[in-house]
Amino acid sequence: MQPKDVKKVWDVVKNLVKNALVLEKEFGKPQDIEGGIKNGQLYFWQARNIVKKFH
């Protein structure tokens, strides 16, 4: 992976975390999120509450 590619991946990961936290705040609970990335654009198509805690 080239350094410029690492920056692109890092930007997508930061966007994913930011948006996942928005969903968690909106729904009031941690979310199990399904989605994908196409051409650097992040898409969520399903989110549901996490119902079991893992230790």
N, C-alpha and C. Protein backbone atom coordinates (compact mmCIF):
# COMPACT_ATOMS: atom_id res chain seq x y z
N MET A 1 0.85 -1.16 0.00
CA MET A 1 0.00 0.00 0.00
C MET A 1 0.90 1.23 0.00
N GLN A 2 0.59 2.18 -0.83
CA GLN A 2 1.34 3.42 -0.94
C GLN A 2 0.92 4.40 0.16
N PRO A 3 1.82 5.29 0.57
CA PRO A 3 1.46 6.27 1.61
C PRO A 3 0.19 7.06 1.29
N LYS A 4 -0.01 7.45 0.04
CA LYS A 4 -1.23 8.20 -0.30
C LYS A 4 -2.47 7.34 -0.09
N ASP A 5 -2.35 6.03 -0.33
CA ASP A 5 -3.47 5.12 -0.11
C ASP A 5 -3.77 4.98 1.39
N VAL A 6 -2.73 4.97 2.20
CA VAL A 6 -2.92 4.88 3.65
C VAL A 6 -3.69 6.10 4.14
N LYS A 7 -3.38 7.26 3.63
CA LYS A 7 -4.11 8.48 4.02
C LYS A 7 -5.58 8.37 3.63
N LYS A 8 -5.86 7.86 2.44
CA LYS A 8 -7.25 7.69 2.01
C LYS A 8 -7.99 6.73 2.93
N VAL A 9 -7.34 5.62 3.26
CA VAL A 9 -7.97 4.64 4.15
C VAL A 9 -8.19 5.26 5.53
N TRP A 10 -7.20 5.98 6.03
CA TRP A 10 -7.33 6.62 7.34
C TRP A 10 -8.49 7.61 7.35
N ASP A 11 -8.64 8.38 6.27
CA ASP A 11 -9.76 9.34 6.18
C ASP A 11 -11.10 8.63 6.22
N VAL A 12 -11.21 7.49 5.54
CA VAL A 12 -12.45 6.72 5.54
C VAL A 12 -12.73 6.16 6.93
N VAL A 13 -11.70 5.66 7.60
CA VAL A 13 -11.87 5.11 8.95
C VAL A 13 -12.32 6.20 9.92
N LYS A 14 -11.72 7.38 9.85
CA LYS A 14 -12.14 8.48 10.72
C LYS A 14 -13.60 8.85 10.44
N ASN A 15 -14.00 8.87 9.18
CA ASN A 15 -15.38 9.16 8.82
C ASN A 15 -16.33 8.09 9.36
N LEU A 16 -15.91 6.83 9.28
CA LEU A 16 -16.71 5.72 9.80
C LEU A 16 -16.94 5.89 11.29
N VAL A 17 -15.88 6.15 12.04
CA VAL A 17 -16.00 6.30 13.49
C VAL A 17 -16.89 7.48 13.83
N LYS A 18 -16.68 8.60 13.16
CA LYS A 18 -17.49 9.80 13.41
C LYS A 18 -18.97 9.50 13.21
N ASN A 19 -19.30 8.87 12.10
CA ASN A 19 -20.70 8.58 11.80
C ASN A 19 -21.28 7.49 12.69
N ALA A 20 -20.47 6.51 13.08
CA ALA A 20 -20.94 5.47 14.00
C ALA A 20 -21.30 6.08 15.34
N LEU A 21 -20.51 7.05 15.80
CA LEU A 21 -20.82 7.72 17.06
C LEU A 21 -22.10 8.55 16.96
N VAL A 22 -22.35 9.14 15.81
CA VAL A 22 -23.61 9.87 15.60
C VAL A 22 -24.79 8.91 15.69
N LEU A 23 -24.68 7.74 15.05
CA LEU A 23 -25.76 6.75 15.12
C LEU A 23 -25.98 6.28 16.56
N GLU A 24 -24.90 6.03 17.27
CA GLU A 24 -25.02 5.59 18.66
C GLU A 24 -25.73 6.66 19.50
N LYS A 25 -25.37 7.90 19.30
CA LYS A 25 -26.02 8.98 20.04
C LYS A 25 -27.50 9.09 19.66
N GLU A 26 -27.79 8.99 18.38
CA GLU A 26 -29.17 9.11 17.90
C GLU A 26 -30.06 8.00 18.46
N PHE A 27 -29.55 6.77 18.49
CA PHE A 27 -30.36 5.64 18.95
C PHE A 27 -30.22 5.39 20.45
N GLY A 28 -29.25 6.04 21.11
CA GLY A 28 -29.10 5.93 22.55
C GLY A 28 -28.41 4.67 23.03
N LYS A 29 -27.89 3.87 22.12
CA LYS A 29 -27.21 2.62 22.47
C LYS A 29 -26.16 2.32 21.40
N PRO A 30 -25.13 1.54 21.77
CA PRO A 30 -24.16 1.11 20.75
C PRO A 30 -24.88 0.35 19.63
N GLN A 31 -24.39 0.51 18.41
CA GLN A 31 -25.05 -0.07 17.25
C GLN A 31 -24.18 -1.10 16.54
N ASP A 32 -24.83 -2.15 16.06
CA ASP A 32 -24.23 -3.11 15.14
C ASP A 32 -24.56 -2.56 13.75
N ILE A 33 -23.55 -2.09 13.04
CA ILE A 33 -23.76 -1.36 11.80
C ILE A 33 -23.31 -2.19 10.60
N GLU A 34 -24.12 -2.21 9.57
CA GLU A 34 -23.74 -2.82 8.30
C GLU A 34 -23.66 -1.73 7.25
N GLY A 35 -22.66 -1.80 6.44
CA GLY A 35 -22.50 -0.80 5.40
C GLY A 35 -21.38 -1.17 4.46
N GLY A 36 -20.96 -0.20 3.70
CA GLY A 36 -19.90 -0.44 2.75
C GLY A 36 -19.27 0.86 2.29
N ILE A 37 -18.24 0.72 1.49
CA ILE A 37 -17.52 1.86 0.95
C ILE A 37 -17.40 1.68 -0.55
N LYS A 38 -17.77 2.70 -1.29
CA LYS A 38 -17.63 2.67 -2.74
C LYS A 38 -17.04 4.00 -3.18
N ASN A 39 -15.94 3.91 -3.89
CA ASN A 39 -15.24 5.12 -4.37
C ASN A 39 -14.96 6.10 -3.24
N GLY A 40 -14.59 5.56 -2.08
CA GLY A 40 -14.25 6.40 -0.94
C GLY A 40 -15.44 6.96 -0.19
N GLN A 41 -16.66 6.67 -0.67
CA GLN A 41 -17.88 7.15 -0.01
C GLN A 41 -18.41 6.07 0.93
N LEU A 42 -18.74 6.46 2.15
CA LEU A 42 -19.23 5.55 3.17
C LEU A 42 -20.75 5.46 3.11
N TYR A 43 -21.27 4.23 3.15
CA TYR A 43 -22.72 4.00 3.15
C TYR A 43 -23.09 3.08 4.30
N PHE A 44 -24.15 3.45 5.02
CA PHE A 44 -24.74 2.56 6.03
C PHE A 44 -26.08 2.12 5.50
N TRP A 45 -26.36 0.83 5.54
CA TRP A 45 -27.68 0.39 5.10
C TRP A 45 -28.47 -0.29 6.20
N GLN A 46 -27.85 -0.54 7.34
CA GLN A 46 -28.61 -1.12 8.44
C GLN A 46 -27.88 -0.86 9.75
N ALA A 47 -28.63 -0.58 10.79
CA ALA A 47 -28.08 -0.45 12.14
C ALA A 47 -29.10 -1.01 13.11
N ARG A 48 -28.60 -1.70 14.11
CA ARG A 48 -29.50 -2.24 15.14
C ARG A 48 -28.74 -2.21 16.49
N ASN A 49 -29.49 -2.13 17.56
CA ASN A 49 -28.88 -2.10 18.88
C ASN A 49 -28.08 -3.37 19.14
N ILE A 50 -26.96 -3.21 19.80
CA ILE A 50 -26.21 -4.37 20.28
C ILE A 50 -26.90 -4.81 21.56
N VAL A 51 -27.30 -6.07 21.62
CA VAL A 51 -28.10 -6.52 22.76
C VAL A 51 -27.33 -7.39 23.74
N LYS A 52 -26.13 -7.81 23.38
CA LYS A 52 -25.35 -8.66 24.28
C LYS A 52 -23.97 -8.07 24.47
N LYS A 53 -23.55 -7.96 25.71
CA LYS A 53 -22.22 -7.44 26.00
C LYS A 53 -21.22 -8.60 25.96
N PHE A 54 -20.07 -8.33 25.39
CA PHE A 54 -18.99 -9.30 25.36
C PHE A 54 -17.89 -8.84 26.31
N HIS A 55 -17.34 -9.76 27.05
CA HIS A 55 -16.31 -9.40 28.03
C HIS A 55 -14.96 -9.83 27.54
